[in-house]
Amino acid sequence: EGDAAGMKLENLSALFENGAYTLVVQKNGVTVHKDFGQGVGPALRVFDAQPELLKGALVCDTIVGKAAAAIYILGGAAGVYAETMSVAAADFLTANGVDCACETKTEKLLNRQGTGLCPFEQAVLELERPEDCLPVIRATLARLMAGKNNK
C-alpha cells in the first residue's frame, strides 16, 4: 500500500474530528484546510478558492469518487486518502501519479438515495482526462442545484 505521505489510515477518522469535517487537507503534517459538505462540493470549493492548498498536499476525504479524484489530480495533490473510494477513482488517481489509499474500496459509488450510481461518478465515468471532467462536474452540479430549487 502506498504510504508515501506518511499517513496511517487509522488516523483518518480522528482527522475528521468525529464527523465535524468531511475534507481535511494537510501539508507536511499540518492541516491547512478543513471543510464539511456532501458530494464534490468541498473539493470544488477549495479547488476554486485556494487551489494552491491542494498542490503537493495530502487530501483526506470521507468519500472519493472519480469526480473528486479528477479535482484532486488537477489541483496537484500528492496523495489522496479516503474512508470510501470507488475503484474508478483509485484507478484514475494511480494512472495520474497520485498516491492513494482507502479503508473501503467500492465498485459502485451510489447516489444519496442509494438507488443508483452517484450522478458525478456517472457523469465522468467514461472520461479519461482529468481536465475533461471539470466542465462535466460543474454542469452536473448546476443541474442538481437547479433540480433542488424546483422541488
N, C-alpha and C. Protein backbone atom coordinates (compact mmCIF):
# COMPACT_ATOMS: atom_id res chain seq x y z
N GLU A 1 0.84 -1.21 0.00
CA GLU A 1 0.00 0.00 0.00
C GLU A 1 0.87 1.25 0.00
N GLY A 2 0.53 2.20 -0.85
CA GLY A 2 1.31 3.43 -0.93
C GLY A 2 1.11 4.26 0.33
N ASP A 3 2.17 4.51 1.04
CA ASP A 3 2.07 5.34 2.25
C ASP A 3 3.10 6.45 2.15
N ALA A 4 3.27 6.97 0.93
CA ALA A 4 4.31 7.96 0.67
C ALA A 4 4.13 9.20 1.51
N ALA A 5 2.88 9.52 1.81
CA ALA A 5 2.62 10.76 2.55
C ALA A 5 2.80 10.56 4.05
N GLY A 6 3.14 9.34 4.44
CA GLY A 6 3.44 9.07 5.83
C GLY A 6 2.22 9.13 6.73
N MET A 7 1.10 8.76 6.18
CA MET A 7 -0.13 8.85 6.97
C MET A 7 -0.73 7.47 7.14
N LYS A 8 -1.12 7.16 8.33
CA LYS A 8 -1.74 5.86 8.57
C LYS A 8 -3.25 6.00 8.44
N LEU A 9 -3.85 5.02 7.82
CA LEU A 9 -5.29 5.09 7.60
C LEU A 9 -6.09 5.20 8.89
N GLU A 10 -5.57 4.55 9.94
CA GLU A 10 -6.34 4.58 11.20
C GLU A 10 -6.41 5.99 11.80
N ASN A 11 -5.54 6.89 11.33
CA ASN A 11 -5.61 8.27 11.82
C ASN A 11 -6.69 9.07 11.11
N LEU A 12 -7.24 8.48 10.06
CA LEU A 12 -8.20 9.20 9.25
C LEU A 12 -9.39 9.74 10.03
N SER A 13 -10.09 8.84 10.72
CA SER A 13 -11.31 9.27 11.39
C SER A 13 -11.04 10.34 12.43
N ALA A 14 -9.87 10.28 13.05
CA ALA A 14 -9.51 11.31 14.02
C ALA A 14 -9.40 12.67 13.34
N LEU A 15 -8.87 12.65 12.12
CA LEU A 15 -8.71 13.90 11.36
C LEU A 15 -10.05 14.57 11.11
N PHE A 16 -11.06 13.76 10.83
CA PHE A 16 -12.38 14.31 10.52
C PHE A 16 -13.09 14.79 11.78
N GLU A 17 -12.42 14.64 12.92
CA GLU A 17 -12.96 15.10 14.20
C GLU A 17 -14.39 14.61 14.42
N ASN A 18 -14.53 13.29 14.34
CA ASN A 18 -15.82 12.65 14.59
C ASN A 18 -16.95 13.21 13.74
N GLY A 19 -16.65 13.44 12.47
CA GLY A 19 -17.71 13.86 11.58
C GLY A 19 -17.90 15.36 11.48
N ALA A 20 -17.06 16.13 12.17
CA ALA A 20 -17.17 17.59 12.09
C ALA A 20 -16.73 18.08 10.71
N TYR A 21 -15.84 17.30 10.07
CA TYR A 21 -15.35 17.67 8.73
C TYR A 21 -15.42 16.47 7.81
N THR A 22 -15.55 16.73 6.51
CA THR A 22 -15.54 15.63 5.54
C THR A 22 -14.31 15.73 4.64
N LEU A 23 -13.63 16.89 4.70
CA LEU A 23 -12.43 17.09 3.89
C LEU A 23 -11.36 17.78 4.72
N VAL A 24 -10.19 17.17 4.78
CA VAL A 24 -9.07 17.76 5.51
C VAL A 24 -7.85 17.72 4.59
N VAL A 25 -7.21 18.88 4.40
CA VAL A 25 -6.04 18.95 3.54
C VAL A 25 -4.83 19.23 4.41
N GLN A 26 -3.79 18.42 4.25
CA GLN A 26 -2.58 18.59 5.06
C GLN A 26 -1.35 18.79 4.20
N LYS A 27 -0.45 19.62 4.72
CA LYS A 27 0.86 19.79 4.09
C LYS A 27 1.90 19.63 5.18
N ASN A 28 2.86 18.75 4.94
CA ASN A 28 3.91 18.49 5.93
C ASN A 28 3.33 18.21 7.31
N GLY A 29 2.25 17.45 7.33
CA GLY A 29 1.65 17.06 8.61
C GLY A 29 0.84 18.15 9.28
N VAL A 30 0.71 19.30 8.63
CA VAL A 30 -0.07 20.40 9.22
C VAL A 30 -1.36 20.57 8.42
N THR A 31 -2.47 20.67 9.13
CA THR A 31 -3.74 20.85 8.46
C THR A 31 -3.85 22.29 7.95
N VAL A 32 -4.04 22.44 6.62
CA VAL A 32 -4.13 23.77 6.03
C VAL A 32 -5.54 24.13 5.59
N HIS A 33 -6.42 23.14 5.59
CA HIS A 33 -7.79 23.40 5.14
C HIS A 33 -8.73 22.33 5.68
N LYS A 34 -9.92 22.76 6.11
CA LYS A 34 -10.95 21.81 6.55
C LYS A 34 -12.27 22.27 5.97
N ASP A 35 -13.10 21.33 5.61
CA ASP A 35 -14.42 21.70 5.10
C ASP A 35 -15.40 20.58 5.43
N PHE A 36 -16.66 20.92 5.32
CA PHE A 36 -17.70 19.94 5.58
C PHE A 36 -18.73 20.08 4.48
N GLY A 37 -19.15 18.97 3.92
CA GLY A 37 -20.20 19.05 2.91
C GLY A 37 -20.37 17.71 2.23
N GLN A 38 -21.40 17.64 1.41
CA GLN A 38 -21.68 16.39 0.72
C GLN A 38 -21.17 16.46 -0.71
N GLY A 39 -20.92 15.31 -1.28
CA GLY A 39 -20.54 15.24 -2.68
C GLY A 39 -19.23 15.94 -2.98
N VAL A 40 -19.13 16.50 -4.19
CA VAL A 40 -17.87 17.11 -4.62
C VAL A 40 -17.76 18.57 -4.18
N GLY A 41 -18.78 19.08 -3.49
CA GLY A 41 -18.79 20.48 -3.07
C GLY A 41 -17.50 20.95 -2.40
N PRO A 42 -17.09 20.30 -1.31
CA PRO A 42 -15.87 20.73 -0.61
C PRO A 42 -14.63 20.70 -1.50
N ALA A 43 -14.51 19.67 -2.33
CA ALA A 43 -13.35 19.54 -3.23
C ALA A 43 -13.33 20.70 -4.22
N LEU A 44 -14.49 20.98 -4.79
CA LEU A 44 -14.60 22.05 -5.78
C LEU A 44 -14.36 23.41 -5.14
N ARG A 45 -14.84 23.59 -3.91
CA ARG A 45 -14.67 24.89 -3.23
C ARG A 45 -13.20 25.22 -3.01
N VAL A 46 -12.44 24.25 -2.53
CA VAL A 46 -11.01 24.53 -2.28
C VAL A 46 -10.27 24.68 -3.60
N PHE A 47 -10.66 23.90 -4.60
CA PHE A 47 -10.01 23.97 -5.91
C PHE A 47 -10.23 25.35 -6.55
N ASP A 48 -11.44 25.88 -6.39
CA ASP A 48 -11.77 27.18 -6.98
C ASP A 48 -11.22 28.35 -6.17
N ALA A 49 -11.28 28.23 -4.85
CA ALA A 49 -10.91 29.36 -4.00
C ALA A 49 -9.41 29.42 -3.68
N GLN A 50 -8.84 28.27 -3.35
CA GLN A 50 -7.42 28.25 -2.95
C GLN A 50 -6.70 27.03 -3.51
N PRO A 51 -6.59 26.99 -4.84
CA PRO A 51 -6.00 25.80 -5.47
C PRO A 51 -4.59 25.49 -4.97
N GLU A 52 -3.89 26.54 -4.53
CA GLU A 52 -2.51 26.32 -4.06
C GLU A 52 -2.47 25.41 -2.83
N LEU A 53 -3.58 25.33 -2.10
CA LEU A 53 -3.62 24.46 -0.92
C LEU A 53 -3.54 22.99 -1.31
N LEU A 54 -4.03 22.67 -2.50
CA LEU A 54 -4.03 21.27 -2.93
C LEU A 54 -2.68 20.82 -3.47
N LYS A 55 -1.91 21.76 -3.96
CA LYS A 55 -0.64 21.41 -4.62
C LYS A 55 0.32 20.72 -3.65
N GLY A 56 0.68 19.49 -4.00
CA GLY A 56 1.61 18.73 -3.18
C GLY A 56 1.06 18.32 -1.82
N ALA A 57 -0.25 18.44 -1.66
CA ALA A 57 -0.86 18.16 -0.36
C ALA A 57 -1.35 16.73 -0.24
N LEU A 58 -1.64 16.39 0.99
CA LEU A 58 -2.27 15.11 1.30
C LEU A 58 -3.73 15.45 1.55
N VAL A 59 -4.60 14.89 0.74
CA VAL A 59 -6.02 15.18 0.85
C VAL A 59 -6.71 14.00 1.53
N CYS A 60 -7.46 14.29 2.58
CA CYS A 60 -8.22 13.24 3.27
C CYS A 60 -9.69 13.58 3.12
N ASP A 61 -10.43 12.71 2.48
CA ASP A 61 -11.83 12.95 2.18
C ASP A 61 -12.60 11.73 2.63
N THR A 62 -13.83 11.93 3.07
CA THR A 62 -14.59 10.77 3.54
C THR A 62 -14.93 9.84 2.39
N ILE A 63 -15.41 10.43 1.27
CA ILE A 63 -15.79 9.62 0.11
C ILE A 63 -15.15 10.22 -1.13
N VAL A 64 -14.42 9.42 -1.88
CA VAL A 64 -13.81 9.91 -3.11
C VAL A 64 -14.26 9.05 -4.29
N GLY A 65 -14.97 9.71 -5.20
CA GLY A 65 -15.36 9.07 -6.45
C GLY A 65 -14.46 9.63 -7.53
N LYS A 66 -14.72 9.24 -8.75
CA LYS A 66 -13.85 9.66 -9.85
C LYS A 66 -13.89 11.18 -10.05
N ALA A 67 -15.04 11.81 -9.79
CA ALA A 67 -15.16 13.26 -9.97
C ALA A 67 -14.24 13.99 -9.00
N ALA A 68 -14.31 13.63 -7.72
CA ALA A 68 -13.43 14.26 -6.72
C ALA A 68 -11.97 13.96 -7.05
N ALA A 69 -11.71 12.73 -7.49
CA ALA A 69 -10.35 12.34 -7.86
C ALA A 69 -9.81 13.27 -8.95
N ALA A 70 -10.65 13.57 -9.94
CA ALA A 70 -10.25 14.46 -11.04
C ALA A 70 -9.86 15.83 -10.50
N ILE A 71 -10.64 16.34 -9.56
CA ILE A 71 -10.37 17.65 -8.97
C ILE A 71 -9.04 17.63 -8.22
N TYR A 72 -8.79 16.57 -7.46
CA TYR A 72 -7.54 16.48 -6.70
C TYR A 72 -6.34 16.32 -7.63
N ILE A 73 -6.53 15.59 -8.73
CA ILE A 73 -5.45 15.43 -9.70
C ILE A 73 -5.11 16.79 -10.31
N LEU A 74 -6.15 17.52 -10.73
CA LEU A 74 -5.95 18.83 -11.34
C LEU A 74 -5.34 19.82 -10.34
N GLY A 75 -5.66 19.62 -9.08
CA GLY A 75 -5.13 20.50 -8.04
C GLY A 75 -3.68 20.19 -7.69
N GLY A 76 -3.20 19.04 -8.16
CA GLY A 76 -1.81 18.67 -7.92
C GLY A 76 -1.55 18.01 -6.58
N ALA A 77 -2.57 17.36 -6.04
CA ALA A 77 -2.41 16.67 -4.75
C ALA A 77 -1.35 15.57 -4.88
N ALA A 78 -0.62 15.36 -3.78
CA ALA A 78 0.41 14.32 -3.77
C ALA A 78 -0.19 12.97 -3.38
N GLY A 79 -1.19 13.03 -2.52
CA GLY A 79 -1.81 11.80 -2.06
C GLY A 79 -3.26 12.03 -1.69
N VAL A 80 -4.08 11.01 -1.87
CA VAL A 80 -5.49 11.10 -1.51
C VAL A 80 -5.85 9.87 -0.68
N TYR A 81 -6.35 10.14 0.50
CA TYR A 81 -6.81 9.07 1.39
C TYR A 81 -8.30 9.24 1.61
N ALA A 82 -9.03 8.13 1.59
CA ALA A 82 -10.46 8.23 1.79
C ALA A 82 -10.96 7.09 2.65
N GLU A 83 -12.07 7.34 3.34
CA GLU A 83 -12.70 6.25 4.07
C GLU A 83 -13.29 5.30 3.04
N THR A 84 -13.95 5.87 2.03
CA THR A 84 -14.53 5.08 0.95
C THR A 84 -14.09 5.65 -0.38
N MET A 85 -13.60 4.81 -1.26
CA MET A 85 -13.15 5.26 -2.57
C MET A 85 -13.66 4.29 -3.62
N SER A 86 -14.09 4.83 -4.75
CA SER A 86 -14.55 3.93 -5.81
C SER A 86 -13.33 3.40 -6.55
N VAL A 87 -13.48 2.22 -7.15
CA VAL A 87 -12.40 1.61 -7.90
C VAL A 87 -12.01 2.55 -9.04
N ALA A 88 -13.00 3.19 -9.67
CA ALA A 88 -12.74 4.12 -10.78
C ALA A 88 -11.85 5.28 -10.30
N ALA A 89 -12.12 5.77 -9.08
CA ALA A 89 -11.33 6.88 -8.54
C ALA A 89 -9.90 6.42 -8.26
N ALA A 90 -9.76 5.26 -7.65
CA ALA A 90 -8.43 4.74 -7.32
C ALA A 90 -7.60 4.53 -8.58
N ASP A 91 -8.22 3.97 -9.61
CA ASP A 91 -7.52 3.73 -10.87
C ASP A 91 -7.10 5.05 -11.51
N PHE A 92 -8.00 6.04 -11.44
CA PHE A 92 -7.77 7.35 -12.04
C PHE A 92 -6.61 8.06 -11.34
N LEU A 93 -6.62 8.03 -10.02
CA LEU A 93 -5.55 8.66 -9.25
C LEU A 93 -4.21 8.00 -9.56
N THR A 94 -4.20 6.68 -9.51
CA THR A 94 -2.97 5.94 -9.76
C THR A 94 -2.44 6.21 -11.17
N ALA A 95 -3.34 6.20 -12.15
CA ALA A 95 -2.95 6.44 -13.55
C ALA A 95 -2.34 7.83 -13.72
N ASN A 96 -2.75 8.76 -12.84
CA ASN A 96 -2.26 10.13 -12.94
C ASN A 96 -1.15 10.44 -11.93
N GLY A 97 -0.58 9.36 -11.37
CA GLY A 97 0.57 9.52 -10.50
C GLY A 97 0.29 10.06 -9.11
N VAL A 98 -0.97 9.92 -8.65
CA VAL A 98 -1.29 10.38 -7.30
C VAL A 98 -1.44 9.16 -6.40
N ASP A 99 -0.69 9.17 -5.31
CA ASP A 99 -0.72 8.10 -4.34
C ASP A 99 -2.11 8.05 -3.71
N CYS A 100 -2.68 6.87 -3.55
CA CYS A 100 -3.99 6.83 -2.90
C CYS A 100 -4.17 5.58 -2.05
N ALA A 101 -5.00 5.70 -1.04
CA ALA A 101 -5.32 4.58 -0.18
C ALA A 101 -6.69 4.84 0.43
N CYS A 102 -7.35 3.77 0.82
CA CYS A 102 -8.67 3.93 1.42
C CYS A 102 -8.96 2.78 2.37
N GLU A 103 -9.95 2.98 3.20
CA GLU A 103 -10.35 1.91 4.12
C GLU A 103 -11.27 0.94 3.39
N THR A 104 -12.17 1.49 2.57
CA THR A 104 -13.13 0.66 1.84
C THR A 104 -13.11 1.04 0.38
N LYS A 105 -12.92 0.05 -0.48
CA LYS A 105 -12.97 0.32 -1.91
C LYS A 105 -14.27 -0.28 -2.44
N THR A 106 -14.99 0.51 -3.22
CA THR A 106 -16.27 0.03 -3.72
C THR A 106 -16.32 0.07 -5.24
N GLU A 107 -16.97 -0.93 -5.82
CA GLU A 107 -17.12 -0.98 -7.28
C GLU A 107 -18.03 0.15 -7.74
N LYS A 108 -19.08 0.38 -6.96
CA LYS A 108 -20.07 1.38 -7.35
C LYS A 108 -20.30 2.39 -6.25
N LEU A 109 -20.15 3.64 -6.60
CA LEU A 109 -20.43 4.71 -5.65
C LEU A 109 -21.88 5.12 -5.88
N LEU A 110 -22.72 4.93 -4.85
CA LEU A 110 -24.14 5.18 -5.03
C LEU A 110 -24.55 6.64 -4.78
N ASN A 111 -25.70 6.99 -5.29
CA ASN A 111 -26.24 8.33 -5.02
C ASN A 111 -26.74 8.37 -3.59
N ARG A 112 -27.16 9.55 -3.15
CA ARG A 112 -27.56 9.69 -1.74
C ARG A 112 -28.76 8.85 -1.36
N GLN A 113 -29.60 8.55 -2.34
CA GLN A 113 -30.79 7.74 -2.06
C GLN A 113 -30.44 6.25 -2.05
N GLY A 114 -29.26 5.94 -2.57
CA GLY A 114 -28.85 4.54 -2.63
C GLY A 114 -29.57 3.78 -3.73
N THR A 115 -30.15 4.54 -4.69
CA THR A 115 -30.96 3.91 -5.73
C THR A 115 -30.22 3.73 -7.05
N GLY A 116 -29.04 4.30 -7.14
CA GLY A 116 -28.29 4.17 -8.39
C GLY A 116 -26.92 4.78 -8.24
N LEU A 117 -26.22 4.89 -9.35
CA LEU A 117 -24.87 5.43 -9.33
C LEU A 117 -24.88 6.91 -8.98
N CYS A 118 -23.88 7.34 -8.22
CA CYS A 118 -23.71 8.75 -7.89
C CYS A 118 -23.70 9.54 -9.20
N PRO A 119 -24.46 10.64 -9.28
CA PRO A 119 -24.56 11.38 -10.55
C PRO A 119 -23.20 11.89 -11.06
N PHE A 120 -22.29 12.21 -10.15
CA PHE A 120 -20.98 12.70 -10.57
C PHE A 120 -20.13 11.55 -11.12
N GLU A 121 -20.22 10.42 -10.45
CA GLU A 121 -19.48 9.23 -10.89
C GLU A 121 -19.96 8.86 -12.30
N GLN A 122 -21.28 8.85 -12.46
CA GLN A 122 -21.92 8.53 -13.73
C GLN A 122 -21.44 9.50 -14.82
N ALA A 123 -21.40 10.78 -14.48
CA ALA A 123 -21.08 11.81 -15.46
C ALA A 123 -19.65 11.72 -16.00
N VAL A 124 -18.71 11.30 -15.15
CA VAL A 124 -17.30 11.30 -15.60
C VAL A 124 -16.74 9.90 -15.86
N LEU A 125 -17.58 8.89 -15.68
CA LEU A 125 -17.10 7.51 -15.76
C LEU A 125 -16.32 7.20 -17.02
N GLU A 126 -16.80 7.68 -18.17
CA GLU A 126 -16.16 7.34 -19.44
C GLU A 126 -15.00 8.27 -19.81
N LEU A 127 -14.83 9.35 -19.05
CA LEU A 127 -13.80 10.33 -19.41
C LEU A 127 -12.41 9.86 -18.97
N GLU A 128 -11.42 10.14 -19.80
CA GLU A 128 -10.08 9.65 -19.49
C GLU A 128 -9.12 10.72 -19.01
N ARG A 129 -9.45 11.99 -19.27
CA ARG A 129 -8.54 13.06 -18.85
C ARG A 129 -9.17 13.91 -17.77
N PRO A 130 -8.43 14.16 -16.69
CA PRO A 130 -8.98 14.94 -15.57
C PRO A 130 -9.55 16.28 -16.02
N GLU A 131 -8.85 16.94 -16.98
CA GLU A 131 -9.32 18.27 -17.39
C GLU A 131 -10.65 18.21 -18.13
N ASP A 132 -10.97 17.05 -18.72
CA ASP A 132 -12.26 16.90 -19.38
C ASP A 132 -13.38 16.73 -18.35
N CYS A 133 -13.02 16.27 -17.17
CA CYS A 133 -14.02 16.01 -16.13
C CYS A 133 -14.57 17.29 -15.53
N LEU A 134 -13.72 18.31 -15.42
CA LEU A 134 -14.10 19.52 -14.70
C LEU A 134 -15.37 20.20 -15.23
N PRO A 135 -15.46 20.49 -16.54
CA PRO A 135 -16.69 21.12 -17.04
C PRO A 135 -17.92 20.24 -16.82
N VAL A 136 -17.72 18.94 -16.93
CA VAL A 136 -18.83 18.00 -16.74
C VAL A 136 -19.29 18.01 -15.28
N ILE A 137 -18.33 18.07 -14.36
CA ILE A 137 -18.64 18.12 -12.93
C ILE A 137 -19.45 19.40 -12.63
N ARG A 138 -18.99 20.53 -13.17
CA ARG A 138 -19.68 21.80 -12.94
C ARG A 138 -21.09 21.79 -13.51
N ALA A 139 -21.23 21.22 -14.70
CA ALA A 139 -22.54 21.15 -15.34
C ALA A 139 -23.49 20.25 -14.54
N THR A 140 -22.96 19.15 -14.05
CA THR A 140 -23.76 18.21 -13.26
C THR A 140 -24.22 18.88 -11.96
N LEU A 141 -23.29 19.61 -11.33
CA LEU A 141 -23.60 20.31 -10.09
C LEU A 141 -24.69 21.34 -10.33
N ALA A 142 -24.56 22.11 -11.40
CA ALA A 142 -25.54 23.13 -11.73
C ALA A 142 -26.92 22.51 -11.96
N ARG A 143 -26.92 21.37 -12.65
CA ARG A 143 -28.18 20.68 -12.94
C ARG A 143 -28.83 20.19 -11.65
N LEU A 144 -28.02 19.61 -10.76
CA LEU A 144 -28.54 19.11 -9.48
C LEU A 144 -29.07 20.25 -8.62
N MET A 145 -28.34 21.37 -8.60
CA MET A 145 -28.77 22.52 -7.80
C MET A 145 -30.09 23.06 -8.35
N ALA A 146 -30.20 23.11 -9.67
CA ALA A 146 -31.42 23.63 -10.30
C ALA A 146 -32.59 22.72 -9.96
N GLY A 147 -32.34 21.41 -9.98
CA GLY A 147 -33.38 20.45 -9.66
C GLY A 147 -33.87 20.61 -8.23
N LYS A 148 -32.91 20.90 -7.33
CA LYS A 148 -33.23 21.08 -5.92
C LYS A 148 -34.16 22.26 -5.72
N ASN A 149 -33.88 23.33 -6.48
CA ASN A 149 -34.66 24.55 -6.30
C ASN A 149 -36.06 24.44 -6.89
N ASN A 150 -36.26 23.44 -7.73
CA ASN A 150 -37.58 23.31 -8.35
C ASN A 150 -38.54 22.48 -7.53
N LYS A 151 -37.99 21.81 -6.52
CA LYS A 151 -38.85 20.90 -5.74
C LYS A 151 -39.76 21.66 -4.82
